[in-house]
């Protein structure tokens, strides 16, 4: 019963656990992006604006590797914040 109590504190509803870094060769999903954002915001105690800016910077690396054109970081950042 103790394991359930600690797991429920670390897992986020509909997202699962937070993601400390984005890895892999595929584009990150929205779940991974939100997990990374929430790791920055909740665990590292960053502001919402700073967390979303850092998450967008990391996500942009994957989009650049795939050579997918992106809108401005500001638009991407607002969209990530609205997904919360």
PDB file of N, CA and C in Angstrom:
ATOM      1  N   UNK A   1       0.815  -1.181   0.000  1.00  0.00           N
ATOM      2  CA  UNK A   1       0.000   0.000   0.000  1.00  0.00           C
ATOM      3  C   UNK A   1       0.866   1.254   0.000  1.00  0.00           C
ATOM      4  N   UNK A   2       2.026   1.202   0.570  1.00  0.00           N
ATOM      5  CA  UNK A   2       2.912   2.341   0.584  1.00  0.00           C
ATOM      6  C   UNK A   2       3.402   2.672  -0.836  1.00  0.00           C
ATOM      7  N   UNK A   3       3.616   1.658  -1.666  1.00  0.00           N
ATOM      8  CA  UNK A   3       4.073   1.901  -3.036  1.00  0.00           C
ATOM      9  C   UNK A   3       3.022   2.663  -3.828  1.00  0.00           C
ATOM     10  N   UNK A   4       1.742   2.366  -3.603  1.00  0.00           N
ATOM     11  CA  UNK A   4       0.693   3.090  -4.313  1.00  0.00           C
ATOM     12  C   UNK A   4       0.659   4.556  -3.908  1.00  0.00           C
ATOM     13  N   UNK A   5       0.906   4.833  -2.651  1.00  0.00           N
ATOM     14  CA  UNK A   5       0.872   6.218  -2.181  1.00  0.00           C
ATOM     15  C   UNK A   5       1.990   7.026  -2.817  1.00  0.00           C
ATOM     16  N   UNK A   6       3.190   6.482  -2.896  1.00  0.00           N
ATOM     17  CA  UNK A   6       4.291   7.235  -3.494  1.00  0.00           C
ATOM     18  C   UNK A   6       4.146   7.331  -5.002  1.00  0.00           C
ATOM     19  N   UNK A   7       3.632   6.306  -5.652  1.00  0.00           N
ATOM     20  CA  UNK A   7       3.445   6.358  -7.093  1.00  0.00           C
ATOM     21  C   UNK A   7       2.392   7.388  -7.451  1.00  0.00           C
ATOM     22  N   UNK A   8       1.339   7.470  -6.670  1.00  0.00           N
ATOM     23  CA  UNK A   8       0.285   8.427  -6.987  1.00  0.00           C
ATOM     24  C   UNK A   8       0.774   9.860  -6.827  1.00  0.00           C
ATOM     25  N   UNK A   9       1.787  10.074  -6.010  1.00  0.00           N
ATOM     26  CA  UNK A   9       2.341  11.424  -5.863  1.00  0.00           C
ATOM     27  C   UNK A   9       3.227  11.802  -7.039  1.00  0.00           C
ATOM     28  N   UNK A  10       3.885  10.828  -7.647  1.00  0.00           N
ATOM     29  CA  UNK A  10       4.806  11.137  -8.734  1.00  0.00           C
ATOM     30  C   UNK A  10       4.145  11.101 -10.101  1.00  0.00           C
ATOM     31  N   UNK A  11       3.034  10.409 -10.260  1.00  0.00           N
ATOM     32  CA  UNK A  11       2.381  10.328 -11.559  1.00  0.00           C
ATOM     33  C   UNK A  11       1.356  11.432 -11.712  1.00  0.00           C
ATOM     34  N   UNK A  12       1.240  11.922 -12.949  1.00  0.00           N
ATOM     35  CA  UNK A  12       0.310  12.991 -13.268  1.00  0.00           C
ATOM     36  C   UNK A  12      -0.855  12.403 -14.056  1.00  0.00           C
ATOM     37  N   UNK A  13      -2.043  12.861 -13.780  1.00  0.00           N
ATOM     38  CA  UNK A  13      -3.241  12.336 -14.425  1.00  0.00           C
ATOM     39  C   UNK A  13      -3.160  12.525 -15.935  1.00  0.00           C
ATOM     40  N   UNK A  14      -3.404  11.471 -16.690  1.00  0.00           N
ATOM     41  CA  UNK A  14      -3.406  11.392 -18.151  1.00  0.00           C
ATOM     42  C   UNK A  14      -2.028  11.567 -18.800  1.00  0.00           C
ATOM     43  N   UNK A  15      -1.016  11.908 -18.041  1.00  0.00           N
ATOM     44  CA  UNK A  15       0.312  12.085 -18.612  1.00  0.00           C
ATOM     45  C   UNK A  15       1.252  10.988 -18.149  1.00  0.00           C
ATOM     46  N   UNK A  16       1.052  10.516 -16.938  1.00  0.00           N
ATOM     47  CA  UNK A  16       1.962   9.533 -16.369  1.00  0.00           C
ATOM     48  C   UNK A  16       3.036  10.251 -15.580  1.00  0.00           C
ATOM     49  N   UNK A  17       4.226   9.771 -15.676  1.00  0.00           N
ATOM     50  CA  UNK A  17       5.306  10.412 -14.932  1.00  0.00           C
ATOM     51  C   UNK A  17       5.938  11.517 -15.780  1.00  0.00           C
ATOM     52  N   UNK A  18       6.604  12.435 -15.124  1.00  0.00           N
ATOM     53  CA  UNK A  18       7.262  13.518 -15.842  1.00  0.00           C
ATOM     54  C   UNK A  18       8.514  12.974 -16.529  1.00  0.00           C
ATOM     55  N   UNK A  19       8.963  13.674 -17.558  1.00  0.00           N
ATOM     56  CA  UNK A  19      10.100  13.258 -18.365  1.00  0.00           C
ATOM     57  C   UNK A  19      11.245  14.231 -18.102  1.00  0.00           C
ATOM     58  N   UNK A  20      12.379  13.712 -17.637  1.00  0.00           N
ATOM     59  CA  UNK A  20      13.493  14.597 -17.298  1.00  0.00           C
ATOM     60  C   UNK A  20      14.287  15.041 -18.526  1.00  0.00           C
ATOM     61  N   UNK A  21      14.241  14.269 -19.604  1.00  0.00           N
ATOM     62  CA  UNK A  21      14.898  14.669 -20.847  1.00  0.00           C
ATOM     63  C   UNK A  21      14.193  14.004 -22.022  1.00  0.00           C
ATOM     64  N   UNK A  22      14.259  14.656 -23.166  1.00  0.00           N
ATOM     65  CA  UNK A  22      13.645  14.122 -24.373  1.00  0.00           C
ATOM     66  C   UNK A  22      14.690  13.321 -25.123  1.00  0.00           C
ATOM     67  N   UNK A  23      14.376  12.054 -25.375  1.00  0.00           N
ATOM     68  CA  UNK A  23      15.308  11.169 -26.060  1.00  0.00           C
ATOM     69  C   UNK A  23      14.593  10.480 -27.200  1.00  0.00           C
ATOM     70  N   UNK A  24      15.374   9.861 -28.047  1.00  0.00           N
ATOM     71  CA  UNK A  24      14.815   9.052 -29.114  1.00  0.00           C
ATOM     72  C   UNK A  24      15.083   9.651 -30.476  1.00  0.00           C
ATOM     73  N   UNK A  25      14.675   8.916 -31.487  1.00  0.00           N
ATOM     74  CA  UNK A  25      14.889   9.372 -32.857  1.00  0.00           C
ATOM     75  C   UNK A  25      13.594   9.850 -33.499  1.00  0.00           C
ATOM     76  N   UNK A  26      12.469   9.606 -32.854  1.00  0.00           N
ATOM     77  CA  UNK A  26      11.185  10.064 -33.375  1.00  0.00           C
ATOM     78  C   UNK A  26      10.837  11.429 -32.805  1.00  0.00           C
ATOM     79  N   UNK A  27       9.869  12.078 -33.424  1.00  0.00           N
ATOM     80  CA  UNK A  27       9.366  13.334 -32.874  1.00  0.00           C
ATOM     81  C   UNK A  27       8.673  13.043 -31.545  1.00  0.00           C
ATOM     82  N   UNK A  28       8.885  13.869 -30.552  1.00  0.00           N
ATOM     83  CA  UNK A  28       8.223  13.645 -29.266  1.00  0.00           C
ATOM     84  C   UNK A  28       6.716  13.860 -29.382  1.00  0.00           C
ATOM     85  N   UNK A  29       5.971  13.050 -28.664  1.00  0.00           N
ATOM     86  CA  UNK A  29       4.523  13.194 -28.659  1.00  0.00           C
ATOM     87  C   UNK A  29       4.126  14.343 -27.742  1.00  0.00           C
ATOM     88  N   UNK A  30       2.862  14.705 -27.776  1.00  0.00           N
ATOM     89  CA  UNK A  30       2.360  15.754 -26.896  1.00  0.00           C
ATOM     90  C   UNK A  30       2.502  15.328 -25.443  1.00  0.00           C
ATOM     91  N   UNK A  31       2.307  14.051 -25.175  1.00  0.00           N
ATOM     92  CA  UNK A  31       2.456  13.527 -23.809  1.00  0.00           C
ATOM     93  C   UNK A  31       3.890  13.708 -23.306  1.00  0.00           C
ATOM     94  N   UNK A  32       4.866  13.422 -24.172  1.00  0.00           N
ATOM     95  CA  UNK A  32       6.264  13.610 -23.782  1.00  0.00           C
ATOM     96  C   UNK A  32       6.586  15.088 -23.594  1.00  0.00           C
ATOM     97  N   UNK A  33       6.064  15.932 -24.481  1.00  0.00           N
ATOM     98  CA  UNK A  33       6.318  17.371 -24.374  1.00  0.00           C
ATOM     99  C   UNK A  33       5.737  17.924 -23.079  1.00  0.00           C
ATOM    100  N   UNK A  34       4.511  17.528 -22.749  1.00  0.00           N
ATOM    101  CA  UNK A  34       3.898  17.982 -21.506  1.00  0.00           C
ATOM    102  C   UNK A  34       4.616  17.404 -20.293  1.00  0.00           C
ATOM    103  N   UNK A  35       5.055  16.166 -20.387  1.00  0.00           N
ATOM    104  CA  UNK A  35       5.805  15.562 -19.291  1.00  0.00           C
ATOM    105  C   UNK A  35       7.113  16.288 -19.033  1.00  0.00           C
ATOM    106  N   UNK A  36       7.782  16.707 -20.102  1.00  0.00           N
ATOM    107  CA  UNK A  36       9.025  17.459 -19.954  1.00  0.00           C
ATOM    108  C   UNK A  36       8.755  18.846 -19.381  1.00  0.00           C
ATOM    109  N   UNK A  37       7.709  19.495 -19.891  1.00  0.00           N
ATOM    110  CA  UNK A  37       7.334  20.813 -19.373  1.00  0.00           C
ATOM    111  C   UNK A  37       7.013  20.740 -17.884  1.00  0.00           C
ATOM    112  N   UNK A  38       6.239  19.742 -17.488  1.00  0.00           N
ATOM    113  CA  UNK A  38       5.854  19.618 -16.084  1.00  0.00           C
ATOM    114  C   UNK A  38       7.037  19.236 -15.199  1.00  0.00           C
ATOM    115  N   UNK A  39       7.999  18.517 -15.737  1.00  0.00           N
ATOM    116  CA  UNK A  39       9.227  18.237 -14.983  1.00  0.00           C
ATOM    117  C   UNK A  39       9.945  19.550 -14.672  1.00  0.00           C
ATOM    118  N   UNK A  40      10.055  20.400 -15.680  1.00  0.00           N
ATOM    119  CA  UNK A  40      10.716  21.687 -15.469  1.00  0.00           C
ATOM    120  C   UNK A  40       9.941  22.562 -14.494  1.00  0.00           C
ATOM    121  N   UNK A  41       8.628  22.564 -14.639  1.00  0.00           N
ATOM    122  CA  UNK A  41       7.800  23.462 -13.827  1.00  0.00           C
ATOM    123  C   UNK A  41       7.620  22.963 -12.394  1.00  0.00           C
ATOM    124  N   UNK A  42       7.281  21.708 -12.222  1.00  0.00           N
ATOM    125  CA  UNK A  42       6.956  21.202 -10.888  1.00  0.00           C
ATOM    126  C   UNK A  42       8.175  20.735 -10.096  1.00  0.00           C
ATOM    127  N   UNK A  43       9.066  20.026 -10.742  1.00  0.00           N
ATOM    128  CA  UNK A  43      10.202  19.457 -10.016  1.00  0.00           C
ATOM    129  C   UNK A  43      11.378  20.419  -9.899  1.00  0.00           C
ATOM    130  N   UNK A  44      11.593  21.247 -10.917  1.00  0.00           N
ATOM    131  CA  UNK A  44      12.706  22.196 -10.871  1.00  0.00           C
ATOM    132  C   UNK A  44      12.249  23.595 -10.463  1.00  0.00           C
ATOM    133  N   UNK A  45      10.954  23.751 -10.200  1.00  0.00           N
ATOM    134  CA  UNK A  45      10.356  25.001  -9.709  1.00  0.00           C
ATOM    135  C   UNK A  45      10.635  26.207 -10.605  1.00  0.00           C
ATOM    136  N   UNK A  46      10.513  26.012 -11.906  1.00  0.00           N
ATOM    137  CA  UNK A  46      10.643  27.113 -12.857  1.00  0.00           C
ATOM    138  C   UNK A  46       9.273  27.744 -13.073  1.00  0.00           C
ATOM    139  N   UNK A  47       9.237  28.957 -13.586  1.00  0.00           N
ATOM    140  CA  UNK A  47       7.962  29.593 -13.902  1.00  0.00           C
ATOM    141  C   UNK A  47       7.354  28.918 -15.128  1.00  0.00           C
ATOM    142  N   UNK A  48       6.087  29.151 -15.341  1.00  0.00           N
ATOM    143  CA  UNK A  48       5.411  28.541 -16.491  1.00  0.00           C
ATOM    144  C   UNK A  48       6.039  29.029 -17.788  1.00  0.00           C
ATOM    145  N   UNK A  49       6.289  30.323 -17.877  1.00  0.00           N
ATOM    146  CA  UNK A  49       6.852  30.900 -19.097  1.00  0.00           C
ATOM    147  C   UNK A  49       8.259  30.363 -19.372  1.00  0.00           C
ATOM    148  N   UNK A  50       9.082  30.280 -18.340  1.00  0.00           N
ATOM    149  CA  UNK A  50      10.448  29.783 -18.513  1.00  0.00           C
ATOM    150  C   UNK A  50      10.443  28.293 -18.846  1.00  0.00           C
ATOM    151  N   UNK A  51       9.557  27.539 -18.212  1.00  0.00           N
ATOM    152  CA  UNK A  51       9.468  26.100 -18.481  1.00  0.00           C
ATOM    153  C   UNK A  51       9.027  25.830 -19.909  1.00  0.00           C
ATOM    154  N   UNK A  52       8.039  26.586 -20.378  1.00  0.00           N
ATOM    155  CA  UNK A  52       7.569  26.371 -21.745  1.00  0.00           C
ATOM    156  C   UNK A  52       8.631  26.803 -22.755  1.00  0.00           C
ATOM    157  N   UNK A  53       9.389  27.865 -22.461  1.00  0.00           N
ATOM    158  CA  UNK A  53      10.456  28.296 -23.369  1.00  0.00           C
ATOM    159  C   UNK A  53      11.548  27.234 -23.460  1.00  0.00           C
ATOM    160  N   UNK A  54      11.925  26.656 -22.328  1.00  0.00           N
ATOM    161  CA  UNK A  54      12.947  25.615 -22.328  1.00  0.00           C
ATOM    162  C   UNK A  54      12.451  24.354 -23.043  1.00  0.00           C
ATOM    163  N   UNK A  55      11.192  24.010 -22.847  1.00  0.00           N
ATOM    164  CA  UNK A  55      10.627  22.835 -23.511  1.00  0.00           C
ATOM    165  C   UNK A  55      10.564  23.047 -25.018  1.00  0.00           C
ATOM    166  N   UNK A  56      10.185  24.226 -25.444  1.00  0.00           N
ATOM    167  CA  UNK A  56      10.113  24.528 -26.880  1.00  0.00           C
ATOM    168  C   UNK A  56      11.502  24.474 -27.507  1.00  0.00           C
ATOM    169  N   UNK A  57      12.500  24.949 -26.804  1.00  0.00           N
ATOM    170  CA  UNK A  57      13.871  24.898 -27.311  1.00  0.00           C
ATOM    171  C   UNK A  57      14.322  23.452 -27.523  1.00  0.00           C
ATOM    172  N   UNK A  58      13.998  22.584 -26.566  1.00  0.00           N
ATOM    173  CA  UNK A  58      14.353  21.173 -26.705  1.00  0.00           C
ATOM    174  C   UNK A  58      13.552  20.504 -27.820  1.00  0.00           C
ATOM    175  N   UNK A  59      12.267  20.816 -27.933  1.00  0.00           N
ATOM    176  CA  UNK A  59      11.438  20.226 -28.975  1.00  0.00           C
ATOM    177  C   UNK A  59      11.871  20.694 -30.359  1.00  0.00           C
ATOM    178  N   UNK A  60      12.342  21.923 -30.454  1.00  0.00           N
ATOM    179  CA  UNK A  60      12.770  22.465 -31.748  1.00  0.00           C
ATOM    180  C   UNK A  60      13.953  21.692 -32.311  1.00  0.00           C
ATOM    181  N   UNK A  61      14.780  21.142 -31.453  1.00  0.00           N
ATOM    182  CA  UNK A  61      15.924  20.341 -31.924  1.00  0.00           C
ATOM    183  C   UNK A  61      15.449  19.139 -32.739  1.00  0.00           C
ATOM    184  N   UNK A  62      14.390  18.487 -32.259  1.00  0.00           N
ATOM    185  CA  UNK A  62      13.850  17.325 -32.972  1.00  0.00           C
ATOM    186  C   UNK A  62      13.229  17.739 -34.306  1.00  0.00           C
ATOM    187  N   UNK A  63      12.533  18.860 -34.315  1.00  0.00           N
ATOM    188  CA  UNK A  63      11.901  19.335 -35.535  1.00  0.00           C
ATOM    189  C   UNK A  63      12.953  19.752 -36.565  1.00  0.00           C
ATOM    190  N   UNK A  64      14.049  20.355 -36.104  1.00  0.00           N
ATOM    191  CA  UNK A  64      15.124  20.732 -37.026  1.00  0.00           C
ATOM    192  C   UNK A  64      15.787  19.503 -37.632  1.00  0.00           C
ATOM    193  N   UNK A  65      15.996  18.461 -36.812  1.00  0.00           N
ATOM    194  CA  UNK A  65      16.605  17.229 -37.325  1.00  0.00           C
ATOM    195  C   UNK A  65      15.732  16.601 -38.406  1.00  0.00           C
ATOM    196  N   UNK A  66      14.421  16.686 -38.226  1.00  0.00           N
ATOM    197  CA  UNK A  66      13.489  16.115 -39.200  1.00  0.00           C
ATOM    198  C   UNK A  66      13.238  17.061 -40.375  1.00  0.00           C
ATOM    199  N   UNK A  67      13.836  18.260 -40.306  1.00  0.00           N
ATOM    200  CA  UNK A  67      13.681  19.288 -41.340  1.00  0.00           C
ATOM    201  C   UNK A  67      12.226  19.663 -41.566  1.00  0.00           C
ATOM    202  N   UNK A  68      11.520  19.798 -40.467  1.00  0.00           N
ATOM    203  CA  UNK A  68      10.124  20.227 -40.506  1.00  0.00           C
ATOM    204  C   UNK A  68      10.094  21.713 -40.171  1.00  0.00           C
ATOM    205  N   UNK A  69       9.496  22.526 -41.026  1.00  0.00           N
ATOM    206  CA  UNK A  69       9.446  23.960 -40.723  1.00  0.00           C
ATOM    207  C   UNK A  69       8.579  24.226 -39.491  1.00  0.00           C
ATOM    208  N   UNK A  70       9.035  25.186 -38.702  1.00  0.00           N
ATOM    209  CA  UNK A  70       8.317  25.547 -37.475  1.00  0.00           C
ATOM    210  C   UNK A  70       7.869  26.990 -37.547  1.00  0.00           C
ATOM    211  N   UNK A  71       6.787  27.276 -36.833  1.00  0.00           N
ATOM    212  CA  UNK A  71       6.391  28.662 -36.649  1.00  0.00           C
ATOM    213  C   UNK A  71       7.353  29.285 -35.646  1.00  0.00           C
ATOM    214  N   UNK A  72       7.129  30.527 -35.319  1.00  0.00           N
ATOM    215  CA  UNK A  72       7.963  31.185 -34.318  1.00  0.00           C
ATOM    216  C   UNK A  72       7.869  30.449 -32.995  1.00  0.00           C
ATOM    217  N   UNK A  73       8.927  30.558 -32.202  1.00  0.00           N
ATOM    218  CA  UNK A  73       8.938  29.928 -30.883  1.00  0.00           C
ATOM    219  C   UNK A  73       7.799  30.473 -30.016  1.00  0.00           C
ATOM    220  N   UNK A  74       7.465  31.743 -30.197  1.00  0.00           N
ATOM    221  CA  UNK A  74       6.400  32.357 -29.397  1.00  0.00           C
ATOM    222  C   UNK A  74       5.068  31.643 -29.630  1.00  0.00           C
ATOM    223  N   UNK A  75       4.753  31.331 -30.883  1.00  0.00           N
ATOM    224  CA  UNK A  75       3.496  30.644 -31.185  1.00  0.00           C
ATOM    225  C   UNK A  75       3.508  29.220 -30.626  1.00  0.00           C
ATOM    226  N   UNK A  76       4.631  28.566 -30.758  1.00  0.00           N
ATOM    227  CA  UNK A  76       4.793  27.206 -30.259  1.00  0.00           C
ATOM    228  C   UNK A  76       4.673  27.182 -28.735  1.00  0.00           C
ATOM    229  N   UNK A  77       5.240  28.191 -28.107  1.00  0.00           N
ATOM    230  CA  UNK A  77       5.205  28.304 -26.650  1.00  0.00           C
ATOM    231  C   UNK A  77       3.779  28.518 -26.164  1.00  0.00           C
ATOM    232  N   UNK A  78       3.039  29.371 -26.830  1.00  0.00           N
ATOM    233  CA  UNK A  78       1.647  29.625 -26.450  1.00  0.00           C
ATOM    234  C   UNK A  78       0.806  28.377 -26.615  1.00  0.00           C
ATOM    235  N   UNK A  79       1.031  27.635 -27.678  1.00  0.00           N
ATOM    236  CA  UNK A  79       0.278  26.413 -27.920  1.00  0.00           C
ATOM    237  C   UNK A  79       0.557  25.365 -26.842  1.00  0.00           C
ATOM    238  N   UNK A  80       1.805  25.255 -26.403  1.00  0.00           N
ATOM    239  CA  UNK A  80       2.170  24.324 -25.340  1.00  0.00           C
ATOM    240  C   UNK A  80       1.511  24.736 -24.018  1.00  0.00           C
ATOM    241  N   UNK A  81       1.495  26.017 -23.734  1.00  0.00           N
ATOM    242  CA  UNK A  81       0.873  26.508 -22.499  1.00  0.00           C
ATOM    243  C   UNK A  81      -0.636  26.295 -22.527  1.00  0.00           C
ATOM    244  N   UNK A  82      -1.265  26.395 -23.681  1.00  0.00           N
ATOM    245  CA  UNK A  82      -2.706  26.169 -23.785  1.00  0.00           C
ATOM    246  C   UNK A  82      -3.058  24.704 -23.624  1.00  0.00           C
ATOM    247  N   UNK A  83      -2.128  23.807 -23.900  1.00  0.00           N
ATOM    248  CA  UNK A  83      -2.384  22.371 -23.772  1.00  0.00           C
ATOM    249  C   UNK A  83      -2.440  21.944 -22.310  1.00  0.00           C
ATOM    250  N   UNK A  84      -1.969  22.792 -21.422  1.00  0.00           N
ATOM    251  CA  UNK A  84      -1.989  22.477 -19.996  1.00  0.00           C
ATOM    252  C   UNK A  84      -3.399  22.586 -19.588  1.00  0.00           C
TER     253      UNK A  84
END
